[in-house]
Amino acid sequence: RGGAPETKEALRRQTERAIEFGIFGAPSCVVGGELF
């Protein structure tokens, strides 16, 4: 399941969401739009 196309796409979208949140490193916490 980890190698399935839909999972690959989910991780790609997750990374795009991180960029949208302004995440630039890890770990990062997001709480209601606030970035820590």
Full PDB file with SEQRES, HELIX, SHEET, SSBOND, CRYST1, ORIGX, SCALE, CONECT and MASTER records, all heavy atoms in Angstrom:
SEQRES   1 A   36  ARG GLY GLY ALA PRO GLU THR LYS GLU ALA LEU ARG ARG          
SEQRES   2 A   36  GLN THR GLU ARG ALA ILE GLU PHE GLY ILE PHE GLY ALA          
SEQRES   3 A   36  PRO SER CYS VAL VAL GLY GLY GLU LEU PHE                      
HELIX    1 AA1 PRO A    5  PHE A   21  1                                  17    
SHEET    1 AA1 2 VAL A  30  VAL A  31  0                                        
SHEET    2 AA1 2 GLU A  34  LEU A  35 -1                                        
CRYST1    1.000    1.000    1.000  90.00  90.00  90.00 P 1           1          
ORIGX1      1.000000  0.000000  0.000000        0.00000                         
ORIGX2      0.000000  1.000000  0.000000        0.00000                         
ORIGX3      0.000000  0.000000  1.000000        0.00000                         
SCALE1      1.000000  0.000000  0.000000        0.00000                         
SCALE2      0.000000  1.000000  0.000000        0.00000                         
SCALE3      0.000000  0.000000  1.000000        0.00000                         
ATOM      1  N   ARG A   1       0.837  -1.207   0.000  1.00  0.00           N  
ATOM      2  CA  ARG A   1       0.000   0.000   0.000  1.00  0.00           C  
ATOM      3  C   ARG A   1       0.871   1.254   0.000  1.00  0.00           C  
ATOM      4  O   ARG A   1       0.507   2.264  -0.607  1.00  0.00           O  
ATOM      5  CB  ARG A   1      -0.933  -0.011   1.206  1.00  0.00           C  
ATOM      6  CG  ARG A   1      -2.050  -1.038   1.086  1.00  0.00           C  
ATOM      7  CD  ARG A   1      -2.889  -1.118   2.351  1.00  0.00           C  
ATOM      8  NE  ARG A   1      -3.534   0.162   2.658  1.00  0.00           N  
ATOM      9  CZ  ARG A   1      -3.949   0.492   3.878  1.00  0.00           C  
ATOM     10  NH1 ARG A   1      -3.798  -0.342   4.892  1.00  0.00           N  
ATOM     11  NH2 ARG A   1      -4.532   1.657   4.081  1.00  0.00           N  
ATOM     12  N   GLY A   2       2.020   1.191   0.673  1.00  0.00           N  
ATOM     13  CA  GLY A   2       2.935   2.328   0.687  1.00  0.00           C  
ATOM     14  C   GLY A   2       3.489   2.647  -0.688  1.00  0.00           C  
ATOM     15  O   GLY A   2       3.804   3.804  -0.985  1.00  0.00           O  
ATOM     16  N   GLY A   3       3.607   1.638  -1.531  1.00  0.00           N  
ATOM     17  CA  GLY A   3       4.124   1.853  -2.878  1.00  0.00           C  
ATOM     18  C   GLY A   3       3.064   2.120  -3.923  1.00  0.00           C  
ATOM     19  O   GLY A   3       3.381   2.322  -5.095  1.00  0.00           O  
ATOM     20  N   ALA A   4       1.810   2.127  -3.510  1.00  0.00           N  
ATOM     21  CA  ALA A   4       0.704   2.335  -4.458  1.00  0.00           C  
ATOM     22  C   ALA A   4       0.679   3.782  -4.950  1.00  0.00           C  
ATOM     23  O   ALA A   4       1.055   4.699  -4.217  1.00  0.00           O  
ATOM     24  CB  ALA A   4      -0.620   1.979  -3.792  1.00  0.00           C  
ATOM     25  N   PRO A   5       0.223   3.989  -6.186  1.00  0.00           N  
ATOM     26  CA  PRO A   5       0.195   5.355  -6.742  1.00  0.00           C  
ATOM     27  C   PRO A   5      -0.574   6.351  -5.880  1.00  0.00           C  
ATOM     28  O   PRO A   5      -0.155   7.501  -5.735  1.00  0.00           O  
ATOM     29  CB  PRO A   5      -0.482   5.162  -8.101  1.00  0.00           C  
ATOM     30  CG  PRO A   5      -0.219   3.736  -8.471  1.00  0.00           C  
ATOM     31  CD  PRO A   5      -0.192   2.981  -7.166  1.00  0.00           C  
ATOM     32  N   GLU A   6      -1.680   5.907  -5.280  1.00  0.00           N  
ATOM     33  CA  GLU A   6      -2.463   6.848  -4.475  1.00  0.00           C  
ATOM     34  C   GLU A   6      -1.718   7.278  -3.214  1.00  0.00           C  
ATOM     35  O   GLU A   6      -1.868   8.412  -2.741  1.00  0.00           O  
ATOM     36  CB  GLU A   6      -3.846   6.276  -4.120  1.00  0.00           C  
ATOM     37  CG  GLU A   6      -3.837   4.971  -3.357  1.00  0.00           C  
ATOM     38  CD  GLU A   6      -3.849   3.733  -4.241  1.00  0.00           C  
ATOM     39  OE1 GLU A   6      -3.492   3.813  -5.441  1.00  0.00           O  
ATOM     40  OE2 GLU A   6      -4.220   2.657  -3.722  1.00  0.00           O  
ATOM     41  N   THR A   7      -0.879   6.392  -2.668  1.00  0.00           N  
ATOM     42  CA  THR A   7      -0.094   6.764  -1.492  1.00  0.00           C  
ATOM     43  C   THR A   7       1.041   7.704  -1.881  1.00  0.00           C  
ATOM     44  O   THR A   7       1.324   8.673  -1.165  1.00  0.00           O  
ATOM     45  CB  THR A   7       0.469   5.501  -0.803  1.00  0.00           C  
ATOM     46  OG1 THR A   7      -0.614   4.613  -0.504  1.00  0.00           O  
ATOM     47  CG2 THR A   7       1.199   5.864   0.479  1.00  0.00           C  
ATOM     48  N   LYS A   8       1.678   7.435  -3.001  1.00  0.00           N  
ATOM     49  CA  LYS A   8       2.713   8.346  -3.495  1.00  0.00           C  
ATOM     50  C   LYS A   8       2.137   9.748  -3.698  1.00  0.00           C  
ATOM     51  O   LYS A   8       2.757  10.754  -3.334  1.00  0.00           O  
ATOM     52  CB  LYS A   8       3.310   7.815  -4.799  1.00  0.00           C  
ATOM     53  CG  LYS A   8       4.081   6.530  -4.631  1.00  0.00           C  
ATOM     54  CD  LYS A   8       4.583   6.018  -5.979  1.00  0.00           C  
ATOM     55  CE  LYS A   8       5.342   4.713  -5.820  1.00  0.00           C  
ATOM     56  NZ  LYS A   8       5.840   4.202  -7.119  1.00  0.00           N  
ATOM     57  N   GLU A   9       0.945   9.792  -4.266  1.00  0.00           N  
ATOM     58  CA  GLU A   9       0.279  11.077  -4.495  1.00  0.00           C  
ATOM     59  C   GLU A   9      -0.083  11.744  -3.170  1.00  0.00           C  
ATOM     60  O   GLU A   9       0.026  12.968  -3.022  1.00  0.00           O  
ATOM     61  CB  GLU A   9      -0.975  10.862  -5.352  1.00  0.00           C  
ATOM     62  CG  GLU A   9      -1.809  12.093  -5.585  1.00  0.00           C  
ATOM     63  CD  GLU A   9      -1.104  13.195  -6.363  1.00  0.00           C  
ATOM     64  OE1 GLU A   9      -0.062  12.911  -7.008  1.00  0.00           O  
ATOM     65  OE2 GLU A   9      -1.583  14.339  -6.321  1.00  0.00           O  
ATOM     66  N   ALA A  10      -0.515  10.959  -2.195  1.00  0.00           N  
ATOM     67  CA  ALA A  10      -0.867  11.516  -0.887  1.00  0.00           C  
ATOM     68  C   ALA A  10       0.345  12.174  -0.229  1.00  0.00           C  
ATOM     69  O   ALA A  10       0.234  13.265   0.340  1.00  0.00           O  
ATOM     70  CB  ALA A  10      -1.438  10.424   0.021  1.00  0.00           C  
ATOM     71  N   LEU A  11       1.513  11.535  -0.324  1.00  0.00           N  
ATOM     72  CA  LEU A  11       2.717  12.121   0.265  1.00  0.00           C  
ATOM     73  C   LEU A  11       3.132  13.377  -0.496  1.00  0.00           C  
ATOM     74  O   LEU A  11       3.554  14.370   0.108  1.00  0.00           O  
ATOM     75  CB  LEU A  11       3.856  11.100   0.286  1.00  0.00           C  
ATOM     76  CG  LEU A  11       5.163  11.589   0.911  1.00  0.00           C  
ATOM     77  CD1 LEU A  11       4.958  12.043   2.358  1.00  0.00           C  
ATOM     78  CD2 LEU A  11       6.230  10.494   0.838  1.00  0.00           C  
ATOM     79  N   ARG A  12       2.988  13.351  -1.808  1.00  0.00           N  
ATOM     80  CA  ARG A  12       3.308  14.539  -2.599  1.00  0.00           C  
ATOM     81  C   ARG A  12       2.403  15.707  -2.186  1.00  0.00           C  
ATOM     82  O   ARG A  12       2.869  16.824  -1.968  1.00  0.00           O  
ATOM     83  CB  ARG A  12       3.167  14.247  -4.092  1.00  0.00           C  
ATOM     84  CG  ARG A  12       3.668  15.391  -4.987  1.00  0.00           C  
ATOM     85  CD  ARG A  12       3.393  15.127  -6.457  1.00  0.00           C  
ATOM     86  NE  ARG A  12       1.978  15.056  -6.756  1.00  0.00           N  
ATOM     87  CZ  ARG A  12       1.158  16.119  -6.809  1.00  0.00           C  
ATOM     88  NH1 ARG A  12       1.617  17.318  -6.574  1.00  0.00           N  
ATOM     89  NH2 ARG A  12      -0.113  15.957  -7.098  1.00  0.00           N  
ATOM     90  N   ARG A  13       1.114  15.435  -2.041  1.00  0.00           N  
ATOM     91  CA  ARG A  13       0.170  16.480  -1.620  1.00  0.00           C  
ATOM     92  C   ARG A  13       0.483  16.962  -0.204  1.00  0.00           C  
ATOM     93  O   ARG A  13       0.363  18.151   0.100  1.00  0.00           O  
ATOM     94  CB  ARG A  13      -1.272  15.966  -1.697  1.00  0.00           C  
ATOM     95  CG  ARG A  13      -1.826  15.926  -3.105  1.00  0.00           C  
ATOM     96  CD  ARG A  13      -3.350  15.773  -3.122  1.00  0.00           C  
ATOM     97  NE  ARG A  13      -3.856  14.791  -2.180  1.00  0.00           N  
ATOM     98  CZ  ARG A  13      -4.050  13.502  -2.465  1.00  0.00           C  
ATOM     99  NH1 ARG A  13      -3.782  13.035  -3.675  1.00  0.00           N  
ATOM    100  NH2 ARG A  13      -4.511  12.677  -1.551  1.00  0.00           N  
ATOM    101  N   GLN A  14       0.864  16.035   0.651  1.00  0.00           N  
ATOM    102  CA  GLN A  14       1.218  16.396   2.033  1.00  0.00           C  
ATOM    103  C   GLN A  14       2.406  17.362   2.036  1.00  0.00           C  
ATOM    104  O   GLN A  14       2.421  18.342   2.781  1.00  0.00           O  
ATOM    105  CB  GLN A  14       1.559  15.119   2.806  1.00  0.00           C  
ATOM    106  CG  GLN A  14       1.723  15.325   4.269  1.00  0.00           C  
ATOM    107  CD  GLN A  14       0.457  15.054   5.028  1.00  0.00           C  
ATOM    108  OE1 GLN A  14      -0.595  15.600   4.731  1.00  0.00           O  
ATOM    109  NE2 GLN A  14       0.548  14.213   6.020  1.00  0.00           N  
ATOM    110  N   THR A  15       3.401  17.088   1.203  1.00  0.00           N  
ATOM    111  CA  THR A  15       4.573  17.972   1.115  1.00  0.00           C  
ATOM    112  C   THR A  15       4.166  19.333   0.566  1.00  0.00           C  
ATOM    113  O   THR A  15       4.641  20.373   1.044  1.00  0.00           O  
ATOM    114  CB  THR A  15       5.666  17.310   0.258  1.00  0.00           C  
ATOM    115  OG1 THR A  15       6.026  16.054   0.870  1.00  0.00           O  
ATOM    116  CG2 THR A  15       6.895  18.190   0.153  1.00  0.00           C  
ATOM    117  N   GLU A  16       3.272  19.351  -0.402  1.00  0.00           N  
ATOM    118  CA  GLU A  16       2.769  20.625  -0.936  1.00  0.00           C  
ATOM    119  C   GLU A  16       2.031  21.408   0.143  1.00  0.00           C  
ATOM    120  O   GLU A  16       2.155  22.629   0.233  1.00  0.00           O  
ATOM    121  CB  GLU A  16       1.852  20.374  -2.134  1.00  0.00           C  
ATOM    122  CG  GLU A  16       2.601  19.920  -3.375  1.00  0.00           C  
ATOM    123  CD  GLU A  16       1.678  19.499  -4.509  1.00  0.00           C  
ATOM    124  OE1 GLU A  16       0.433  19.453  -4.297  1.00  0.00           O  
ATOM    125  OE2 GLU A  16       2.198  19.199  -5.600  1.00  0.00           O  
ATOM    126  N   ARG A  17       1.259  20.711   0.968  1.00  0.00           N  
ATOM    127  CA  ARG A  17       0.567  21.377   2.088  1.00  0.00           C  
ATOM    128  C   ARG A  17       1.559  21.972   3.060  1.00  0.00           C  
ATOM    129  O   ARG A  17       1.352  23.070   3.589  1.00  0.00           O  
ATOM    130  CB  ARG A  17      -0.335  20.385   2.828  1.00  0.00           C  
ATOM    131  CG  ARG A  17      -1.737  20.288   2.276  1.00  0.00           C  
ATOM    132  CD  ARG A  17      -2.660  19.500   3.197  1.00  0.00           C  
ATOM    133  NE  ARG A  17      -3.022  20.269   4.374  1.00  0.00           N  
ATOM    134  CZ  ARG A  17      -3.227  19.751   5.583  1.00  0.00           C  
ATOM    135  NH1 ARG A  17      -3.090  18.455   5.792  1.00  0.00           N  
ATOM    136  NH2 ARG A  17      -3.574  20.502   6.609  1.00  0.00           N  
ATOM    137  N   ALA A  18       2.640  21.240   3.314  1.00  0.00           N  
ATOM    138  CA  ALA A  18       3.667  21.765   4.219  1.00  0.00           C  
ATOM    139  C   ALA A  18       4.220  23.082   3.675  1.00  0.00           C  
ATOM    140  O   ALA A  18       4.398  24.053   4.422  1.00  0.00           O  
ATOM    141  CB  ALA A  18       4.788  20.735   4.394  1.00  0.00           C  
ATOM    142  N   ILE A  19       4.472  23.120   2.388  1.00  0.00           N  
ATOM    143  CA  ILE A  19       4.986  24.347   1.756  1.00  0.00           C  
ATOM    144  C   ILE A  19       3.960  25.467   1.887  1.00  0.00           C  
ATOM    145  O   ILE A  19       4.321  26.617   2.195  1.00  0.00           O  
ATOM    146  CB  ILE A  19       5.362  24.062   0.289  1.00  0.00           C  
ATOM    147  CG1 ILE A  19       6.562  23.107   0.231  1.00  0.00           C  
ATOM    148  CG2 ILE A  19       5.656  25.356  -0.461  1.00  0.00           C  
ATOM    149  CD1 ILE A  19       6.836  22.519  -1.141  1.00  0.00           C  
ATOM    150  N   GLU A  20       2.687  25.157   1.677  1.00  0.00           N  
ATOM    151  CA  GLU A  20       1.626  26.165   1.811  1.00  0.00           C  
ATOM    152  C   GLU A  20       1.555  26.729   3.224  1.00  0.00           C  
ATOM    153  O   GLU A  20       1.272  27.912   3.419  1.00  0.00           O  
ATOM    154  CB  GLU A  20       0.272  25.567   1.415  1.00  0.00           C  
ATOM    155  CG  GLU A  20       0.132  25.282  -0.066  1.00  0.00           C  
ATOM    156  CD  GLU A  20      -1.068  24.408  -0.397  1.00  0.00           C  
ATOM    157  OE1 GLU A  20      -1.898  24.137   0.512  1.00  0.00           O  
ATOM    158  OE2 GLU A  20      -1.172  23.989  -1.561  1.00  0.00           O  
ATOM    159  N   PHE A  21       1.812  25.882   4.230  1.00  0.00           N  
ATOM    160  CA  PHE A  21       1.816  26.332   5.622  1.00  0.00           C  
ATOM    161  C   PHE A  21       3.040  27.205   5.936  1.00  0.00           C  
ATOM    162  O   PHE A  21       3.105  27.812   7.000  1.00  0.00           O  
ATOM    163  CB  PHE A  21       1.803  25.147   6.593  1.00  0.00           C  
ATOM    164  CG  PHE A  21       0.446  24.574   6.869  1.00  0.00           C  
ATOM    165  CD1 PHE A  21       0.247  23.212   6.800  1.00  0.00           C  
ATOM    166  CD2 PHE A  21      -0.627  25.380   7.217  1.00  0.00           C  
ATOM    167  CE1 PHE A  21      -1.009  22.656   7.070  1.00  0.00           C  
ATOM    168  CE2 PHE A  21      -1.875  24.843   7.483  1.00  0.00           C  
ATOM    169  CZ  PHE A  21      -2.067  23.478   7.411  1.00  0.00           C  
ATOM    170  N   GLY A  22       4.024  27.209   5.032  1.00  0.00           N  
ATOM    171  CA  GLY A  22       5.249  27.945   5.298  1.00  0.00           C  
ATOM    172  C   GLY A  22       6.273  27.134   6.070  1.00  0.00           C  
ATOM    173  O   GLY A  22       7.223  27.689   6.628  1.00  0.00           O  
ATOM    174  N   ILE A  23       6.097  25.816   6.091  1.00  0.00           N  
ATOM    175  CA  ILE A  23       7.048  24.945   6.792  1.00  0.00           C  
ATOM    176  C   ILE A  23       8.347  24.913   6.011  1.00  0.00           C  
ATOM    177  O   ILE A  23       8.364  24.723   4.806  1.00  0.00           O  
ATOM    178  CB  ILE A  23       6.453  23.532   6.966  1.00  0.00           C  
ATOM    179  CG1 ILE A  23       5.287  23.590   7.972  1.00  0.00           C  
ATOM    180  CG2 ILE A  23       7.512  22.524   7.401  1.00  0.00           C  
ATOM    181  CD1 ILE A  23       4.522  22.292   8.122  1.00  0.00           C  
ATOM    182  N   PHE A  24       9.448  25.110   6.717  1.00  0.00           N  
ATOM    183  CA  PHE A  24      10.770  25.143   6.095  1.00  0.00           C  
ATOM    184  C   PHE A  24      11.741  24.169   6.735  1.00  0.00           C  
ATOM    185  O   PHE A  24      12.888  24.049   6.307  1.00  0.00           O  
ATOM    186  CB  PHE A  24      11.355  26.567   6.166  1.00  0.00           C  
ATOM    187  CG  PHE A  24      11.379  27.125   7.560  1.00  0.00           C  
ATOM    188  CD1 PHE A  24      12.462  26.898   8.395  1.00  0.00           C  
ATOM    189  CD2 PHE A  24      10.308  27.844   8.045  1.00  0.00           C  
ATOM    190  CE1 PHE A  24      12.478  27.395   9.686  1.00  0.00           C  
ATOM    191  CE2 PHE A  24      10.317  28.362   9.334  1.00  0.00           C  
ATOM    192  CZ  PHE A  24      11.411  28.132  10.164  1.00  0.00           C  
ATOM    193  N   GLY A  25      11.297  23.471   7.765  1.00  0.00           N  
ATOM    194  CA  GLY A  25      12.151  22.503   8.445  1.00  0.00           C  
ATOM    195  C   GLY A  25      11.312  21.592   9.315  1.00  0.00           C  
ATOM    196  O   GLY A  25      10.096  21.783   9.463  1.00  0.00           O  
ATOM    197  N   ALA A  26      11.969  20.601   9.885  1.00  0.00           N  
ATOM    198  CA  ALA A  26      11.277  19.628  10.728  1.00  0.00           C  
ATOM    199  C   ALA A  26      12.067  19.423  12.025  1.00  0.00           C  
ATOM    200  O   ALA A  26      13.298  19.496  12.004  1.00  0.00           O  
ATOM    201  CB  ALA A  26      11.148  18.288   9.988  1.00  0.00           C  
ATOM    202  N   PRO A  27      11.313  19.197  13.103  1.00  0.00           N  
ATOM    203  CA  PRO A  27       9.867  19.072  13.196  1.00  0.00           C  
ATOM    204  C   PRO A  27       9.184  20.435  13.194  1.00  0.00           C  
ATOM    205  O   PRO A  27       9.768  21.432  13.606  1.00  0.00           O  
ATOM    206  CB  PRO A  27       9.668  18.386  14.546  1.00  0.00           C  
ATOM    207  CG  PRO A  27      10.798  18.923  15.388  1.00  0.00           C  
ATOM    208  CD  PRO A  27      11.956  19.026  14.429  1.00  0.00           C  
ATOM    209  N   SER A  28       7.961  20.436  12.721  1.00  0.00           N  
ATOM    210  CA  SER A  28       7.118  21.617  12.810  1.00  0.00           C  
ATOM    211  C   SER A  28       5.764  21.178  13.341  1.00  0.00           C  
ATOM    212  O   SER A  28       5.283  20.094  13.015  1.00  0.00           O  
ATOM    213  CB  SER A  28       6.945  22.272  11.440  1.00  0.00           C  
ATOM    214  OG  SER A  28       8.140  22.885  11.006  1.00  0.00           O  
ATOM    215  N   CYS A  29       5.173  22.030  14.154  1.00  0.00           N  
ATOM    216  CA  CYS A  29       3.815  21.797  14.638  1.00  0.00           C  
ATOM    217  C   CYS A  29       2.927  22.895  14.073  1.00  0.00           C  
ATOM    218  O   CYS A  29       3.324  24.057  14.023  1.00  0.00           O  
ATOM    219  CB  CYS A  29       3.758  21.833  16.165  1.00  0.00           C  
ATOM    220  SG  CYS A  29       4.586  20.449  16.969  1.00  0.00           S  
ATOM    221  N   VAL A  30       1.735  22.496  13.662  1.00  0.00           N  
ATOM    222  CA  VAL A  30       0.736  23.456  13.216  1.00  0.00           C  
ATOM    223  C   VAL A  30      -0.487  23.282  14.107  1.00  0.00           C  
ATOM    224  O   VAL A  30      -0.983  22.163  14.289  1.00  0.00           O  
ATOM    225  CB  VAL A  30       0.374  23.249  11.730  1.00  0.00           C  
ATOM    226  CG1 VAL A  30      -0.750  24.193  11.322  1.00  0.00           C  
ATOM    227  CG2 VAL A  30       1.604  23.473  10.850  1.00  0.00           C  
ATOM    228  N   VAL A  31      -0.922  24.401  14.678  1.00  0.00           N  
ATOM    229  CA  VAL A  31      -2.098  24.410  15.549  1.00  0.00           C  
ATOM    230  C   VAL A  31      -3.010  25.522  15.057  1.00  0.00           C  
ATOM    231  O   VAL A  31      -2.684  26.706  15.207  1.00  0.00           O  
ATOM    232  CB  VAL A  31      -1.719  24.667  17.026  1.00  0.00           C  
ATOM    233  CG1 VAL A  31      -2.961  24.611  17.904  1.00  0.00           C  
ATOM    234  CG2 VAL A  31      -0.665  23.685  17.508  1.00  0.00           C  
ATOM    235  N   GLY A  32      -4.126  25.141  14.422  1.00  0.00           N  
ATOM    236  CA  GLY A  32      -5.071  26.147  13.956  1.00  0.00           C  
ATOM    237  C   GLY A  32      -4.444  27.221  13.090  1.00  0.00           C  
ATOM    238  O   GLY A  32      -4.770  28.396  13.221  1.00  0.00           O  
ATOM    239  N   GLY A  33      -3.529  26.842  12.236  1.00  0.00           N  
ATOM    240  CA  GLY A  33      -2.874  27.802  11.355  1.00  0.00           C  
ATOM    241  C   GLY A  33      -1.620  28.433  11.922  1.00  0.00           C  
ATOM    242  O   GLY A  33      -0.866  29.090  11.197  1.00  0.00           O  
ATOM    243  N   GLU A  34      -1.355  28.255  13.217  1.00  0.00           N  
ATOM    244  CA  GLU A  34      -0.126  28.774  13.839  1.00  0.00           C  
ATOM    245  C   GLU A  34       0.996  27.761  13.647  1.00  0.00           C  
ATOM    246  O   GLU A  34       0.813  26.568  13.881  1.00  0.00           O  
ATOM    247  CB  GLU A  34      -0.325  29.017  15.337  1.00  0.00           C  
ATOM    248  CG  GLU A  34      -1.246  30.154  15.674  1.00  0.00           C  
ATOM    249  CD  GLU A  34      -0.602  31.518  15.472  1.00  0.00           C  
ATOM    250  OE1 GLU A  34       0.641  31.624  15.501  1.00  0.00           O  
ATOM    251  OE2 GLU A  34      -1.353  32.480  15.278  1.00  0.00           O  
ATOM    252  N   LEU A  35       2.165  28.257  13.228  1.00  0.00           N  
ATOM    253  CA  LEU A  35       3.319  27.397  12.983  1.00  0.00           C  
ATOM    254  C   LEU A  35       4.326  27.514  14.119  1.00  0.00           C  
ATOM    255  O   LEU A  35       4.673  28.624  14.535  1.00  0.00           O  
ATOM    256  CB  LEU A  35       3.985  27.801  11.657  1.00  0.00           C  
ATOM    257  CG  LEU A  35       5.252  27.054  11.257  1.00  0.00           C  
ATOM    258  CD1 LEU A  35       4.979  25.568  11.065  1.00  0.00           C  
ATOM    259  CD2 LEU A  35       5.827  27.670   9.976  1.00  0.00           C  
ATOM    260  N   PHE A  36       4.768  26.373  14.621  1.00  0.00           N  
ATOM    261  CA  PHE A  36       5.801  26.297  15.654  1.00  0.00           C  
ATOM    262  C   PHE A  36       6.895  25.382  15.120  1.00  0.00           C  
ATOM    263  O   PHE A  36       6.644  24.207  14.855  1.00  0.00           O  
ATOM    264  CB  PHE A  36       5.232  25.710  16.953  1.00  0.00           C  
ATOM    265  CG  PHE A  36       4.120  26.525  17.554  1.00  0.00           C  
ATOM    266  CD1 PHE A  36       2.811  26.391  17.103  1.00  0.00           C  
ATOM    267  CD2 PHE A  36       4.376  27.421  18.575  1.00  0.00           C  
ATOM    268  CE1 PHE A  36       1.785  27.133  17.649  1.00  0.00           C  
ATOM    269  CE2 PHE A  36       3.356  28.176  19.140  1.00  0.00           C  
ATOM    270  CZ  PHE A  36       2.051  28.032  18.669  1.00  0.00           C  
TER     271      PHE A  36                                                      
MASTER        0    0    0    1    2    0    0    6  270    1    0    3          
END                                                                             
